[in-house]
Amino acid sequence: QTQLVESGGGLVQPGGSLRLSCAASGFSLGYYDISWLRQAPGKERERVSCISSSGGSTFYADSVKGRFTISRDNAKKTVYLQMNSLKPEDTAVYYCKVVVDSRPYWGQGTQVTVSS
């Protein structure tokens, strides 16, 4: 079945970096756009970044532009989110998402905590 599994989260100091991975299975990743979203405690889920199926088009929220980079390796069935210059306000659970046949699928999320 369609499945997404995020990994790579953790505790990092302000200014540090993390790379999140989103491993896809059960569908042909190369045909679909993928989004990264995040949800901080007490806040609504926020779209952080998106990448088109070919990787030729990307979107970044203003809050992460210039610090985060989304990429994908369709052969490895994985989408990445490189996060640099992390700030405490980046603390959240990060999810990847795909819409297949009009149905959204989410991973279980990976916690990112930015704190000194």
Protein backbone atom coordinates (compact mmCIF):
# COMPACT_ATOMS: atom_id res chain seq x y z
CA GLN A 1 0.00 0.00 0.00
CA THR A 2 0.99 3.63 -0.35
CA GLN A 3 3.36 4.49 2.45
CA LEU A 4 5.69 7.33 3.42
CA VAL A 5 8.26 7.03 6.18
CA GLU A 6 10.12 10.08 7.46
CA SER A 7 13.46 9.95 9.24
CA GLY A 8 16.38 12.17 10.17
CA GLY A 9 14.86 14.33 12.85
CA GLY A 10 16.49 15.02 16.17
CA LEU A 11 17.78 17.62 18.59
CA VAL A 12 20.06 20.28 17.14
CA GLN A 13 21.43 23.58 18.38
CA PRO A 14 20.41 26.85 16.76
CA GLY A 15 22.40 27.36 13.60
CA GLY A 16 22.80 23.65 13.07
CA SER A 17 21.67 21.43 10.22
CA LEU A 18 19.61 18.31 9.69
CA ARG A 19 18.63 16.34 6.63
CA LEU A 20 15.22 14.73 6.64
CA SER A 21 14.36 11.80 4.41
CA CYS A 22 10.99 10.63 3.17
CA ALA A 23 11.05 7.06 1.89
CA ALA A 24 8.17 6.12 -0.41
CA SER A 25 6.70 2.72 -1.15
CA GLY A 26 3.58 1.30 -2.73
CA PHE A 27 3.41 3.83 -5.56
CA SER A 28 5.60 5.20 -8.33
CA LEU A 29 7.25 8.16 -6.67
CA GLY A 30 8.47 9.61 -9.95
CA TYR A 31 4.96 10.50 -11.06
CA TYR A 32 4.01 12.59 -8.02
CA ASP A 33 4.74 15.91 -6.40
CA ILE A 34 5.79 15.64 -2.77
CA SER A 35 5.32 18.14 0.03
CA TRP A 36 6.99 18.63 3.38
CA LEU A 37 4.82 20.12 6.10
CA ARG A 38 5.39 20.75 9.79
CA GLN A 39 3.29 21.16 12.87
CA ALA A 40 4.47 22.85 16.03
CA PRO A 41 2.65 22.39 19.34
CA GLY A 42 -0.53 24.45 19.41
CA LYS A 43 -0.19 25.52 15.80
CA GLU A 44 -1.77 24.48 12.53
CA ARG A 45 0.11 22.29 10.09
CA GLU A 46 2.18 24.47 7.77
CA ARG A 47 3.45 23.68 4.29
CA VAL A 48 7.20 24.11 4.26
CA SER A 49 8.28 22.99 0.82
CA CYS A 50 7.14 21.12 -2.27
CA ILE A 51 8.88 19.52 -5.20
CA SER A 52 7.45 18.53 -8.56
CA SER A 53 7.58 14.96 -9.82
CA SER A 54 10.62 15.64 -11.98
CA GLY A 55 12.30 17.83 -9.41
CA GLY A 56 12.29 20.74 -11.81
CA SER A 57 10.01 22.94 -9.74
CA THR A 58 10.16 23.71 -6.05
CA PHE A 59 8.30 25.83 -3.53
CA TYR A 60 9.46 27.17 -0.17
CA ALA A 61 7.57 28.97 2.55
CA ASP A 62 8.96 32.41 3.24
CA SER A 63 9.94 31.29 6.72
CA VAL A 64 12.45 28.74 5.36
CA LYS A 65 13.49 30.24 2.03
CA GLY A 66 17.26 30.37 1.70
CA ARG A 67 17.77 27.90 4.56
CA PHE A 68 15.98 24.73 3.45
CA THR A 69 16.48 22.78 0.24
CA ILE A 70 14.17 20.08 -1.05
CA SER A 71 15.41 17.41 -3.43
CA ARG A 72 14.46 13.96 -4.61
CA ASP A 73 16.03 10.78 -5.88
CA ASN A 74 13.31 8.92 -7.73
CA ALA A 75 15.57 5.91 -8.26
CA LYS A 76 15.97 5.62 -4.48
CA LYS A 77 12.29 6.45 -3.94
CA THR A 78 13.27 9.13 -1.48
CA VAL A 79 12.66 12.85 -1.03
CA TYR A 80 14.95 14.93 1.13
CA LEU A 81 14.72 18.16 3.06
CA GLN A 82 18.09 19.71 3.89
CA MET A 83 17.64 22.17 6.71
CA ASN A 84 20.44 24.62 7.49
CA SER A 85 20.72 27.57 9.87
CA LEU A 86 18.02 26.07 12.02
CA LYS A 87 16.13 28.30 14.41
CA PRO A 88 14.13 27.49 17.56
CA GLU A 89 10.98 28.37 15.63
CA ASP A 90 11.70 25.48 13.27
CA THR A 91 10.89 23.09 16.11
CA ALA A 92 8.02 20.90 14.97
CA VAL A 93 7.02 17.48 13.76
CA TYR A 94 7.85 17.28 10.07
CA TYR A 95 5.71 15.25 7.69
CA CYS A 96 5.92 14.38 4.04
CA LYS A 97 2.77 14.10 1.99
CA VAL A 98 1.65 12.76 -1.37
CA VAL A 99 -1.74 12.82 -3.05
CA VAL A 100 -2.47 9.66 -5.00
CA ASP A 101 -5.81 9.26 -6.82
CA SER A 102 -7.09 12.37 -4.98
CA ARG A 103 -6.31 10.84 -1.58
CA PRO A 104 -3.65 12.36 0.67
CA TYR A 105 -1.13 10.12 2.35
CA TRP A 106 1.09 11.19 5.24
CA GLY A 107 3.99 9.65 7.00
CA GLN A 108 4.13 9.30 10.77
CA GLY A 109 6.32 12.37 11.10
CA THR A 110 9.76 13.02 12.51
CA GLN A 111 10.44 15.38 15.41
CA VAL A 112 12.84 18.25 14.93
CA THR A 113 13.84 20.17 18.04
CA VAL A 114 16.08 23.22 17.80
CA SER A 115 17.34 24.22 21.21
CA SER A 116 20.50 25.15 23.03
